[in-house]
Amino acid sequence: MSETVVRPTGPAAAPPPDDEKSWGRVTTPRTLLSRALSVPLALGFTVFLPLLVAVQHGAGQRDAAFWLQLLLTMYAGARLSAMVLTSRRKLLQGSFWLFVYMAMGVAPLAQAVLGQVPTPVVGPRSDLTVAIGLVLLGCAAFDVGVLLARHRPAGRAGGSQKEPRPVMAHRRRLQLLTVLSFLGSAAFVVKLGGPAVFFSSRQEIIAGIQEAGVSQDGQAGQALLRGFGTVPALLSLLLYTRWLITSKFARRKVSIIVTWSALAALNLVVNNPISNPRYWFLTVMFSLLFTVFPVSAAMYRVALSMAVVIALLVFPFADRFRYDEKNYKPVETTSFLEPMALKDYDQIGMFANTITYSNSGPGHFYGRQLAGSVFFAVPRTMWPGKPRDTGVMVGQWMGTVNTNLSSPIWAELWLDFGPLGMGAGLLGMGYASARVDRRYAKRATRRSPPGSLISVVVPLVAGYSFILLRGPLLQASGRVAIAALCLALVATYRQDKDAKLR
């Protein structure tokens, strides 16, 4: 854990350089406390929790797949500990390692110990071993990408090149986006039969979409309806929240406070945890948290640490509102491992099934699945051979009744491009995450203007990355495209009085 940095103050103080090693450091009680807590935290994530799970009694095999899974869990625990204890907030990297630790590490390790899985693994045990090894390889490639991102162009490192102008939110376009948010969400609510259905269950939401005839074109129609009903409302709320917490002018304007209150009420309807999948609500909470606390290192550390506890103790039981009263079956268990083995953490198993599916004949698709995700909005009437959702495709091949299955990014990349393509894709993700995290840490400060888009976009992407990493990509593409359209609408480089947020 790095020590507290002491910087000069006063009117002559210059902003800190990107490399903070040149600044003096001093040991404070807070620093000592952080150091004292860092040891049990790192040991807890890296050693104690994985070993606690591994030593439990169960019917699982203690073979190569088990030991590889234990290694993956400990590796991800070490990297998550590094994200929590870093002196600079790294939202994208932190969310990546949080997902890997829980969904690809601890939960599959519990499944390996108990010999139980939420989704059947239909292939040979060797395919599961290969899948775990490929996940570990992808994680290593991600870290290589992060290391490569440290080597910046000499001009930038030396400060001789001028920093590009920041992208800002245009005030009048933000007002337009807010109007569109209310229209899109109102259409969503009316289409499904009124606000009451949003406080019943997700099963009722799906039934309402089917009754509205939106699902006739498959998941693309559902994704567009849900996307336009939820994404603009969330993005408008984040931008207004940022405006209020960073601007005294905004906090004195009744019109801005009233607009924020109306957006908060709107999001309470369309983005509440009752009517939305858990991963989307996690996106909402993650993005709001880091928009409200843009510079708090303590909040960042608490969020990552508590997320592990929530994923272990709350997430497996958080499907109370997935079904109505007739179809809901409460979890009855005497072991803290069983909920992770019986619920939604099927990413490792589905990667193994994807490998088995590919080996059974289809082979690799060489970008076809990715093309289907990019052009998700093209109707099948215009594209008869449009690729299906990867999870659905593999699930139908397996013969499962429920085809709403995950397809983690490792499986998506491997199915399209093979091991080398998967490694290259995750290396690129690591590189991009490190570069964006560095830019975010530099820009997301108290001195940043209220309209700074990066201060809102990075928390939103960090939250949504849980959905992207879990997959399938086709399901996630709708909201990504709609968010990109909303950001393109409000983005500007202008700094004049009529454009910027004050």
Protein backbone atom coordinates (compact mmCIF):
# COMPACT_ATOMS: atom_id res chain seq x y z
CA MET A 1 0.00 0.00 0.00
CA SER A 2 1.47 3.34 -0.96
CA GLU A 3 1.96 6.09 1.57
CA THR A 4 0.02 9.32 1.80
CA VAL A 5 1.24 11.90 -0.69
CA VAL A 6 2.00 15.42 0.53
CA ARG A 7 1.59 18.04 -2.19
CA PRO A 8 2.31 21.76 -2.09
CA THR A 9 -0.64 24.09 -1.63
CA GLY A 10 -1.38 27.72 -2.28
CA PRO A 11 -1.80 29.83 -5.39
CA ALA A 12 1.61 28.90 -6.73
CA ALA A 13 1.02 25.18 -6.40
CA ALA A 14 1.25 23.36 -9.68
CA PRO A 15 -0.93 20.33 -10.45
CA PRO A 16 0.73 17.03 -9.58
CA PRO A 17 2.59 15.28 -12.34
CA ASP A 18 1.32 11.94 -13.63
CA ASP A 19 4.29 10.23 -11.98
CA GLU A 20 3.74 10.93 -8.27
CA LYS A 21 7.08 9.44 -7.22
CA SER A 22 8.59 12.91 -7.41
CA TRP A 23 6.42 14.15 -4.55
CA GLY A 24 7.35 13.87 -0.88
CA ARG A 25 5.68 11.20 1.25
CA VAL A 26 4.95 11.00 4.92
CA THR A 27 3.67 8.22 7.14
CA THR A 28 0.35 9.03 8.86
CA PRO A 29 -1.91 7.02 11.20
CA ARG A 30 -4.25 6.46 8.26
CA THR A 31 -1.36 5.05 6.24
CA LEU A 32 -0.37 2.73 9.07
CA LEU A 33 -3.97 1.55 9.41
CA SER A 34 -4.17 0.87 5.69
CA ARG A 35 -0.95 -1.12 5.85
CA ALA A 36 -2.24 -3.11 8.81
CA LEU A 37 -5.48 -3.97 7.00
CA SER A 38 -3.77 -4.78 3.72
CA VAL A 39 -2.17 -7.98 5.00
CA PRO A 40 -5.35 -9.75 6.18
CA LEU A 41 -7.23 -8.50 3.12
CA ALA A 42 -4.68 -9.87 0.67
CA LEU A 43 -4.32 -13.13 2.58
CA GLY A 44 -8.10 -13.46 2.88
CA PHE A 45 -8.77 -13.09 -0.85
CA THR A 46 -5.70 -14.98 -2.03
CA VAL A 47 -5.27 -17.80 0.51
CA PHE A 48 -7.85 -18.13 3.28
CA LEU A 49 -11.13 -17.99 1.30
CA PRO A 50 -9.95 -20.27 -1.55
CA LEU A 51 -8.53 -22.80 0.94
CA LEU A 52 -11.67 -22.58 3.12
CA VAL A 53 -13.73 -23.56 0.08
CA ALA A 54 -11.25 -26.19 -1.09
CA VAL A 55 -11.16 -28.10 2.22
CA GLN A 56 -14.95 -28.52 2.46
CA HIS A 57 -16.38 -32.00 2.09
CA GLY A 58 -18.02 -32.86 -1.22
CA ALA A 59 -18.36 -35.36 -4.02
CA GLY A 60 -16.12 -33.49 -6.45
CA GLN A 61 -13.01 -34.96 -8.04
CA ARG A 62 -9.58 -33.75 -6.89
CA ASP A 63 -8.03 -33.94 -10.35
CA ALA A 64 -6.19 -31.56 -12.67
CA ALA A 65 -9.33 -29.46 -13.22
CA PHE A 66 -9.72 -28.96 -9.46
CA TRP A 67 -6.12 -27.86 -8.93
CA LEU A 68 -6.22 -25.55 -11.93
CA GLN A 69 -9.42 -24.03 -10.55
CA LEU A 70 -7.77 -23.48 -7.18
CA LEU A 71 -4.79 -21.84 -8.90
CA LEU A 72 -7.10 -19.57 -10.91
CA THR A 73 -8.98 -18.55 -7.77
CA MET A 74 -5.80 -17.68 -5.88
CA TYR A 75 -4.38 -15.78 -8.86
CA ALA A 76 -7.57 -13.76 -9.23
CA GLY A 77 -7.61 -13.16 -5.47
CA ALA A 78 -4.09 -11.75 -5.57
CA ARG A 79 -4.97 -9.44 -8.44
CA LEU A 80 -8.22 -8.30 -6.80
CA SER A 81 -6.28 -7.53 -3.62
CA ALA A 82 -3.88 -5.43 -5.68
CA MET A 83 -6.85 -3.51 -7.14
CA VAL A 84 -8.31 -2.84 -3.70
CA LEU A 85 -5.00 -1.72 -2.20
CA THR A 86 -3.75 0.38 -5.10
CA SER A 87 -3.12 4.08 -4.48
CA ARG A 88 -5.00 4.98 -7.68
CA ARG A 89 -8.61 4.01 -8.39
CA LYS A 90 -8.76 1.54 -11.28
CA LEU A 91 -12.44 1.02 -11.96
CA LEU A 92 -12.22 -1.04 -15.14
CA GLN A 93 -9.44 -3.30 -13.91
CA GLY A 94 -11.09 -3.62 -10.52
CA SER A 95 -14.43 -4.72 -12.01
CA PHE A 96 -12.64 -7.23 -14.25
CA TRP A 97 -10.85 -8.92 -11.37
CA LEU A 98 -13.92 -8.79 -9.15
CA PHE A 99 -15.87 -10.70 -11.81
CA VAL A 100 -13.07 -13.20 -12.38
CA TYR A 101 -12.60 -13.82 -8.67
CA MET A 102 -16.26 -14.56 -7.97
CA ALA A 103 -17.76 -15.90 -11.22
CA MET A 104 -14.69 -17.68 -12.58
CA GLY A 105 -12.90 -18.40 -9.29
CA VAL A 106 -14.65 -18.93 -5.97
CA ALA A 107 -18.03 -20.09 -7.31
CA PRO A 108 -16.60 -22.69 -9.77
CA LEU A 109 -14.24 -23.84 -7.01
CA ALA A 110 -17.25 -24.47 -4.78
CA GLN A 111 -18.88 -26.37 -7.63
CA ALA A 112 -15.72 -28.46 -8.09
CA VAL A 113 -15.68 -29.33 -4.38
CA LEU A 114 -19.36 -30.30 -4.20
CA GLY A 115 -19.51 -31.96 -7.60
CA GLN A 116 -22.61 -29.90 -8.44
CA VAL A 117 -23.09 -27.37 -11.24
CA PRO A 118 -25.98 -25.02 -12.13
CA THR A 119 -25.75 -26.03 -15.82
CA PRO A 120 -24.76 -29.55 -16.92
CA VAL A 121 -21.27 -29.97 -18.34
CA VAL A 122 -22.00 -32.36 -21.21
CA GLY A 123 -18.50 -33.03 -22.52
CA PRO A 124 -15.55 -34.98 -21.17
CA ARG A 125 -13.72 -33.84 -18.06
CA SER A 126 -10.76 -32.87 -20.25
CA ASP A 127 -12.81 -30.09 -21.88
CA LEU A 128 -13.46 -28.60 -18.45
CA THR A 129 -9.73 -28.73 -17.71
CA VAL A 130 -9.00 -26.99 -21.01
CA ALA A 131 -11.61 -24.32 -20.27
CA ILE A 132 -10.09 -23.50 -16.86
CA GLY A 133 -6.61 -23.40 -18.38
CA LEU A 134 -7.82 -21.03 -21.11
CA VAL A 135 -9.42 -18.73 -18.55
CA LEU A 136 -6.12 -18.62 -16.67
CA LEU A 137 -4.30 -17.91 -19.94
CA GLY A 138 -6.75 -15.09 -20.72
CA CYS A 139 -6.20 -13.55 -17.28
CA ALA A 140 -2.44 -13.62 -17.84
CA ALA A 141 -2.92 -12.00 -21.25
CA PHE A 142 -5.03 -9.27 -19.61
CA ASP A 143 -2.17 -8.56 -17.20
CA VAL A 144 0.33 -8.43 -20.08
CA GLY A 145 -1.88 -5.82 -21.73
CA VAL A 146 -1.85 -3.78 -18.52
CA LEU A 147 1.94 -3.94 -18.40
CA LEU A 148 2.21 -2.84 -22.04
CA ALA A 149 -0.02 0.16 -21.30
CA ARG A 150 2.61 1.49 -18.91
CA HIS A 151 4.95 2.23 -21.81
CA ARG A 152 3.54 5.46 -23.16
CA PRO A 153 4.91 7.55 -26.04
CA ALA A 154 7.96 9.55 -25.06
CA GLY A 155 6.28 12.84 -25.92
CA ARG A 156 3.40 12.20 -23.56
CA ALA A 157 5.61 10.91 -20.78
CA GLY A 158 7.81 13.97 -20.96
CA GLY A 159 4.89 16.35 -21.14
CA SER A 160 5.97 17.94 -24.42
CA GLN A 161 2.73 17.11 -26.20
CA LYS A 162 -0.37 19.13 -25.48
CA GLU A 163 -3.15 17.27 -23.70
CA PRO A 164 -6.24 16.75 -25.89
CA ARG A 165 -9.31 18.75 -24.99
CA PRO A 166 -11.67 16.84 -22.70
CA VAL A 167 -15.02 15.69 -24.03
CA MET A 168 -17.82 17.49 -22.21
CA ALA A 169 -21.60 17.21 -21.92
CA HIS A 170 -23.39 19.91 -23.90
CA ARG A 171 -25.97 21.61 -21.68
CA ARG A 172 -28.79 21.98 -24.21
CA ARG A 173 -28.20 18.53 -25.65
CA LEU A 174 -28.36 17.11 -22.13
CA GLN A 175 -31.76 18.73 -21.79
CA LEU A 176 -32.78 17.10 -25.06
CA LEU A 177 -31.50 13.72 -23.84
CA THR A 178 -33.56 14.18 -20.67
CA VAL A 179 -36.71 14.74 -22.71
CA LEU A 180 -35.93 11.66 -24.79
CA SER A 181 -35.36 9.70 -21.58
CA PHE A 182 -38.84 10.47 -20.32
CA LEU A 183 -40.38 9.67 -23.71
CA GLY A 184 -38.50 6.36 -24.06
CA SER A 185 -39.26 5.24 -20.52
CA ALA A 186 -42.90 6.33 -20.82
CA ALA A 187 -43.27 4.26 -23.99
CA PHE A 188 -41.68 1.30 -22.19
CA VAL A 189 -44.04 1.64 -19.22
CA VAL A 190 -47.15 2.07 -21.38
CA LYS A 191 -46.18 -0.84 -23.63
CA LEU A 192 -45.98 -3.17 -20.64
CA GLY A 193 -49.24 -2.02 -19.09
CA GLY A 194 -48.33 0.63 -16.54
CA PRO A 195 -45.93 1.21 -13.63
CA ALA A 196 -47.39 -1.52 -11.42
CA VAL A 197 -45.85 -4.33 -13.48
CA PHE A 198 -42.38 -2.95 -12.71
CA PHE A 199 -42.90 -3.77 -9.03
CA SER A 200 -44.17 -7.32 -9.48
CA SER A 201 -41.54 -9.68 -10.94
CA ARG A 202 -39.25 -10.09 -13.92
CA GLN A 203 -41.49 -12.90 -15.09
CA GLU A 204 -44.30 -10.35 -15.44
CA ILE A 205 -42.00 -8.04 -17.40
CA ILE A 206 -41.13 -10.83 -19.86
CA ALA A 207 -44.81 -11.71 -20.19
CA GLY A 208 -45.62 -8.07 -20.88
CA ILE A 209 -42.98 -7.89 -23.61
CA GLN A 210 -44.39 -11.03 -25.22
CA GLU A 211 -47.94 -9.71 -25.06
CA ALA A 212 -46.77 -6.46 -26.64
CA GLY A 213 -45.47 -8.47 -29.62
CA VAL A 214 -41.95 -7.09 -29.25
CA SER A 215 -40.34 -10.51 -28.90
CA GLN A 216 -41.41 -11.70 -32.35
CA ASP A 217 -38.01 -10.74 -33.74
CA GLY A 218 -36.23 -12.50 -30.93
CA GLN A 219 -33.88 -10.88 -28.46
CA ALA A 220 -33.08 -7.87 -30.64
CA GLY A 221 -36.59 -6.48 -30.23
CA GLN A 222 -36.55 -7.05 -26.48
CA ALA A 223 -33.09 -5.49 -26.20
CA LEU A 224 -34.19 -2.34 -28.05
CA LEU A 225 -37.36 -1.91 -26.00
CA ARG A 226 -35.56 -2.45 -22.71
CA GLY A 227 -32.60 -0.38 -23.84
CA PHE A 228 -34.53 2.74 -24.84
CA GLY A 229 -36.64 2.39 -21.72
CA THR A 230 -33.76 2.16 -19.26
CA VAL A 231 -30.42 3.41 -20.64
CA PRO A 232 -31.23 7.08 -21.50
CA ALA A 233 -32.94 7.47 -18.12
CA LEU A 234 -29.90 6.13 -16.27
CA LEU A 235 -27.40 8.17 -18.27
CA SER A 236 -29.40 11.38 -17.76
CA LEU A 237 -29.55 10.69 -14.03
CA LEU A 238 -25.79 10.14 -13.87
CA LEU A 239 -25.05 13.38 -15.74
CA TYR A 240 -27.41 15.43 -13.57
CA THR A 241 -26.01 13.78 -10.42
CA ARG A 242 -22.49 14.73 -11.45
CA TRP A 243 -23.68 18.28 -12.21
CA LEU A 244 -25.24 18.65 -8.76
CA ILE A 245 -22.35 17.28 -6.71
CA THR A 246 -19.70 19.36 -8.50
CA SER A 247 -21.47 22.69 -9.07
CA LYS A 248 -22.73 25.19 -6.49
CA PHE A 249 -24.60 26.92 -9.31
CA ALA A 250 -26.56 23.72 -10.05
CA ARG A 251 -27.42 23.21 -6.37
CA ARG A 252 -28.95 26.69 -6.31
CA LYS A 253 -31.06 26.16 -9.44
CA VAL A 254 -34.54 24.87 -8.61
CA SER A 255 -35.08 23.66 -12.19
CA ILE A 256 -32.00 21.41 -12.06
CA ILE A 257 -32.98 19.95 -8.66
CA VAL A 258 -36.53 19.29 -9.87
CA THR A 259 -35.23 17.62 -13.04
CA TRP A 260 -32.86 15.41 -11.04
CA SER A 261 -35.71 14.43 -8.68
CA ALA A 262 -37.94 13.51 -11.62
CA LEU A 263 -35.14 11.43 -13.16
CA ALA A 264 -34.55 9.68 -9.83
CA ALA A 265 -38.25 8.79 -9.64
CA LEU A 266 -38.21 7.60 -13.25
CA ASN A 267 -35.24 5.34 -12.59
CA LEU A 268 -36.92 3.99 -9.48
CA VAL A 269 -39.62 2.66 -11.82
CA VAL A 270 -37.68 1.39 -14.85
CA ASN A 271 -34.32 0.53 -13.22
CA ASN A 272 -35.37 -0.93 -9.88
CA PRO A 273 -34.01 -4.33 -8.71
CA ILE A 274 -37.45 -5.96 -8.85
CA SER A 275 -38.03 -5.70 -12.58
CA ASN A 276 -34.43 -5.87 -13.77
CA PRO A 277 -31.79 -8.62 -13.89
CA ARG A 278 -29.32 -8.54 -11.03
CA TYR A 279 -26.38 -7.73 -13.29
CA TRP A 280 -28.15 -4.67 -14.71
CA PHE A 281 -29.08 -3.40 -11.25
CA LEU A 282 -25.44 -3.96 -10.27
CA THR A 283 -24.54 -1.69 -13.19
CA VAL A 284 -26.96 0.97 -11.92
CA MET A 285 -25.58 0.89 -8.38
CA PHE A 286 -21.91 0.73 -9.42
CA SER A 287 -22.22 3.68 -11.80
CA LEU A 288 -24.21 5.77 -9.31
CA LEU A 289 -21.79 5.02 -6.48
CA PHE A 290 -18.71 6.23 -8.35
CA THR A 291 -20.54 9.20 -9.81
CA VAL A 292 -21.57 10.37 -6.34
CA PHE A 293 -18.10 9.63 -4.89
CA PRO A 294 -15.79 10.46 -7.81
CA VAL A 295 -12.57 10.88 -5.83
CA SER A 296 -13.03 8.73 -2.74
CA ALA A 297 -10.35 6.04 -2.56
CA ALA A 298 -11.95 4.70 0.61
CA MET A 299 -15.30 4.23 -1.15
CA TYR A 300 -13.56 2.48 -4.04
CA ARG A 301 -11.87 0.02 -1.67
CA VAL A 302 -15.03 -0.58 0.35
CA ALA A 303 -17.05 -1.15 -2.83
CA LEU A 304 -14.69 -3.82 -4.17
CA SER A 305 -14.31 -5.52 -0.80
CA MET A 306 -18.01 -5.52 0.06
CA ALA A 307 -18.88 -6.71 -3.45
CA VAL A 308 -17.17 -10.02 -2.62
CA VAL A 309 -19.34 -10.40 0.50
CA ILE A 310 -22.49 -9.49 -1.45
CA ALA A 311 -21.61 -11.93 -4.23
CA LEU A 312 -21.11 -14.70 -1.67
CA LEU A 313 -24.02 -14.07 0.67
CA VAL A 314 -26.63 -12.00 -1.20
CA PHE A 315 -26.31 -12.54 -4.94
CA PRO A 316 -27.24 -16.26 -4.95
CA PHE A 317 -30.48 -15.41 -3.10
CA ALA A 318 -31.27 -12.21 -5.00
CA ASP A 319 -33.66 -13.83 -7.50
CA ARG A 320 -36.63 -13.40 -5.15
CA PHE A 321 -38.31 -11.16 -7.73
CA ARG A 322 -37.40 -13.22 -10.79
CA TYR A 323 -40.61 -15.25 -10.52
CA ASP A 324 -44.13 -14.65 -9.26
CA GLU A 325 -45.45 -16.17 -6.03
CA LYS A 326 -46.53 -19.43 -7.72
CA ASN A 327 -43.19 -20.15 -9.40
CA TYR A 328 -40.77 -18.88 -6.76
CA LYS A 329 -38.90 -21.62 -4.91
CA PRO A 330 -36.82 -20.41 -1.96
CA VAL A 331 -33.31 -21.78 -1.58
CA GLU A 332 -33.01 -24.34 1.19
CA THR A 333 -29.42 -25.16 2.08
CA THR A 334 -27.24 -26.06 5.02
CA SER A 335 -23.94 -25.14 3.33
CA PHE A 336 -22.68 -21.74 2.26
CA LEU A 337 -21.25 -23.40 -0.86
CA GLU A 338 -24.48 -24.80 -2.28
CA PRO A 339 -26.07 -21.53 -3.47
CA MET A 340 -22.99 -20.85 -5.61
CA ALA A 341 -23.22 -24.36 -7.05
CA LEU A 342 -26.96 -24.25 -7.76
CA LYS A 343 -27.49 -20.71 -9.03
CA ASP A 344 -26.18 -18.53 -11.86
CA TYR A 345 -22.42 -18.96 -11.73
CA ASP A 346 -22.22 -21.19 -14.81
CA GLN A 347 -19.47 -19.36 -16.71
CA ILE A 348 -16.73 -22.00 -16.43
CA GLY A 349 -19.15 -24.82 -17.22
CA MET A 350 -20.57 -22.99 -20.25
CA PHE A 351 -17.06 -22.33 -21.55
CA ALA A 352 -16.39 -26.07 -21.31
CA ASN A 353 -19.68 -26.76 -23.13
CA THR A 354 -18.70 -24.27 -25.83
CA ILE A 355 -15.42 -26.14 -26.35
CA THR A 356 -17.30 -29.45 -26.57
CA TYR A 357 -19.80 -27.92 -29.00
CA SER A 358 -17.00 -26.59 -31.21
CA ASN A 359 -15.14 -29.91 -31.13
CA SER A 360 -18.31 -31.79 -32.11
CA GLY A 361 -18.23 -30.34 -35.60
CA PRO A 362 -18.86 -26.60 -36.04
CA GLY A 363 -15.30 -25.56 -35.19
CA HIS A 364 -14.48 -21.87 -34.95
CA PHE A 365 -16.63 -19.13 -36.50
CA TYR A 366 -13.88 -16.61 -37.38
CA GLY A 367 -15.78 -13.48 -36.37
CA ARG A 368 -19.30 -14.53 -37.32
CA GLN A 369 -20.64 -14.44 -33.75
CA LEU A 370 -19.00 -11.08 -33.16
CA ALA A 371 -20.58 -9.73 -36.34
CA GLY A 372 -23.98 -10.83 -35.08
CA SER A 373 -23.41 -8.89 -31.85
CA VAL A 374 -22.20 -5.75 -33.65
CA PHE A 375 -25.13 -5.79 -36.10
CA PHE A 376 -27.66 -7.02 -33.55
CA ALA A 377 -30.32 -4.55 -34.72
CA VAL A 378 -30.52 -5.99 -38.26
CA PRO A 379 -33.78 -8.02 -38.36
CA ARG A 380 -33.66 -11.65 -39.37
CA THR A 381 -36.01 -10.91 -42.25
CA MET A 382 -33.16 -8.94 -43.83
CA TRP A 383 -30.43 -11.29 -42.60
CA PRO A 384 -31.78 -14.86 -42.65
CA GLY A 385 -28.43 -16.32 -41.58
CA LYS A 386 -27.98 -13.92 -38.67
CA PRO A 387 -26.02 -15.67 -35.87
CA ARG A 388 -27.91 -16.68 -32.78
CA ASP A 389 -26.97 -15.76 -29.26
CA THR A 390 -23.97 -17.94 -28.35
CA GLY A 391 -25.51 -19.08 -25.07
CA VAL A 392 -28.78 -19.95 -26.79
CA MET A 393 -26.97 -21.76 -29.61
CA VAL A 394 -24.91 -23.92 -27.26
CA GLY A 395 -27.91 -24.46 -24.97
CA GLN A 396 -30.06 -25.70 -27.85
CA TRP A 397 -27.27 -28.03 -28.93
CA MET A 398 -27.13 -29.35 -25.35
CA GLY A 399 -30.90 -29.88 -25.35
CA THR A 400 -31.58 -27.75 -22.26
CA VAL A 401 -35.07 -26.40 -21.59
CA ASN A 402 -33.73 -23.06 -20.34
CA THR A 403 -31.47 -21.53 -22.98
CA ASN A 404 -30.90 -18.27 -21.10
CA LEU A 405 -27.32 -19.30 -20.43
CA SER A 406 -24.15 -17.29 -20.05
CA SER A 407 -21.31 -17.16 -22.54
CA PRO A 408 -18.32 -15.42 -20.94
CA ILE A 409 -16.05 -13.25 -23.04
CA TRP A 410 -13.39 -15.99 -22.97
CA ALA A 411 -15.85 -18.38 -24.67
CA GLU A 412 -17.02 -15.76 -27.18
CA LEU A 413 -13.47 -14.93 -28.26
CA TRP A 414 -12.35 -18.57 -28.30
CA LEU A 415 -15.33 -19.71 -30.37
CA ASP A 416 -14.70 -17.00 -32.95
CA PHE A 417 -10.91 -16.80 -33.08
CA GLY A 418 -9.39 -19.76 -31.22
CA PRO A 419 -6.84 -19.62 -28.35
CA LEU A 420 -4.56 -17.05 -30.00
CA GLY A 421 -7.46 -14.77 -30.83
CA MET A 422 -8.82 -15.12 -27.31
CA GLY A 423 -5.43 -14.23 -25.82
CA ALA A 424 -5.04 -11.26 -28.16
CA GLY A 425 -8.55 -10.03 -27.33
CA LEU A 426 -7.97 -10.14 -23.59
CA LEU A 427 -4.55 -8.55 -23.99
CA GLY A 428 -6.26 -5.69 -25.83
CA MET A 429 -8.86 -5.44 -23.08
CA GLY A 430 -6.12 -5.18 -20.46
CA TYR A 431 -4.30 -2.52 -22.45
CA ALA A 432 -7.44 -0.46 -23.02
CA SER A 433 -8.58 -0.82 -19.38
CA ALA A 434 -5.24 0.41 -18.04
CA ARG A 435 -5.13 3.39 -20.40
CA VAL A 436 -8.72 4.40 -19.60
CA ASP A 437 -8.19 3.92 -15.85
CA ARG A 438 -5.13 6.17 -15.99
CA ARG A 439 -7.04 8.84 -17.88
CA TYR A 440 -9.98 8.56 -15.48
CA ALA A 441 -7.77 8.88 -12.39
CA LYS A 442 -6.25 12.02 -13.90
CA ARG A 443 -9.51 13.63 -15.02
CA ALA A 444 -12.01 12.55 -12.35
CA THR A 445 -10.97 15.04 -9.67
CA ARG A 446 -12.74 17.74 -7.68
CA ARG A 447 -11.32 20.32 -10.07
CA SER A 448 -12.83 18.67 -13.12
CA PRO A 449 -15.71 20.59 -14.69
CA PRO A 450 -19.28 19.37 -14.01
CA GLY A 451 -19.76 18.31 -17.63
CA SER A 452 -16.74 15.98 -17.78
CA LEU A 453 -18.07 12.93 -19.63
CA ILE A 454 -15.26 10.58 -18.64
CA SER A 455 -16.28 11.00 -14.99
CA VAL A 456 -19.65 9.45 -15.84
CA VAL A 457 -18.80 7.07 -18.67
CA VAL A 458 -16.05 5.11 -16.90
CA PRO A 459 -18.21 4.21 -13.84
CA LEU A 460 -21.02 3.21 -16.23
CA VAL A 461 -18.70 1.02 -18.31
CA ALA A 462 -17.17 -0.48 -15.16
CA GLY A 463 -20.61 -1.48 -13.93
CA TYR A 464 -21.75 -2.78 -17.30
CA SER A 465 -18.55 -4.77 -17.73
CA PHE A 466 -20.04 -7.44 -15.45
CA ILE A 467 -22.68 -8.03 -18.13
CA LEU A 468 -20.15 -7.92 -20.97
CA LEU A 469 -17.81 -10.35 -19.21
CA ARG A 470 -20.63 -12.73 -18.33
CA GLY A 471 -22.09 -12.63 -21.83
CA PRO A 472 -23.51 -13.47 -24.19
CA LEU A 473 -22.42 -10.44 -26.18
CA LEU A 474 -25.56 -10.41 -28.30
CA GLN A 475 -27.73 -9.83 -25.23
CA ALA A 476 -25.44 -7.03 -24.07
CA SER A 477 -25.15 -5.26 -27.42
CA GLY A 478 -28.48 -3.44 -27.35
CA ARG A 479 -27.79 -1.32 -24.31
CA VAL A 480 -24.20 -0.67 -25.45
CA ALA A 481 -25.40 0.72 -28.79
CA ILE A 482 -28.10 2.86 -27.17
CA ALA A 483 -25.65 4.25 -24.60
CA ALA A 484 -23.23 5.11 -27.42
CA LEU A 485 -25.99 7.00 -29.26
CA CYS A 486 -26.89 8.93 -26.10
CA LEU A 487 -23.25 9.87 -25.45
CA ALA A 488 -22.78 10.93 -29.07
CA LEU A 489 -25.81 13.19 -28.68
CA VAL A 490 -24.51 15.08 -25.63
CA ALA A 491 -20.74 15.02 -26.30
CA THR A 492 -18.97 18.22 -27.31
CA TYR A 493 -15.55 19.87 -27.20
CA ARG A 494 -17.03 23.35 -26.87
CA GLN A 495 -16.22 25.36 -23.75
CA ASP A 496 -18.32 28.45 -24.40
CA LYS A 497 -21.01 29.70 -22.04
CA ASP A 498 -23.95 28.32 -24.00
CA ALA A 499 -22.54 24.79 -24.14
CA LYS A 500 -20.87 23.95 -20.82
CA LEU A 501 -22.48 22.97 -17.57
CA ARG A 502 -21.88 25.60 -14.89
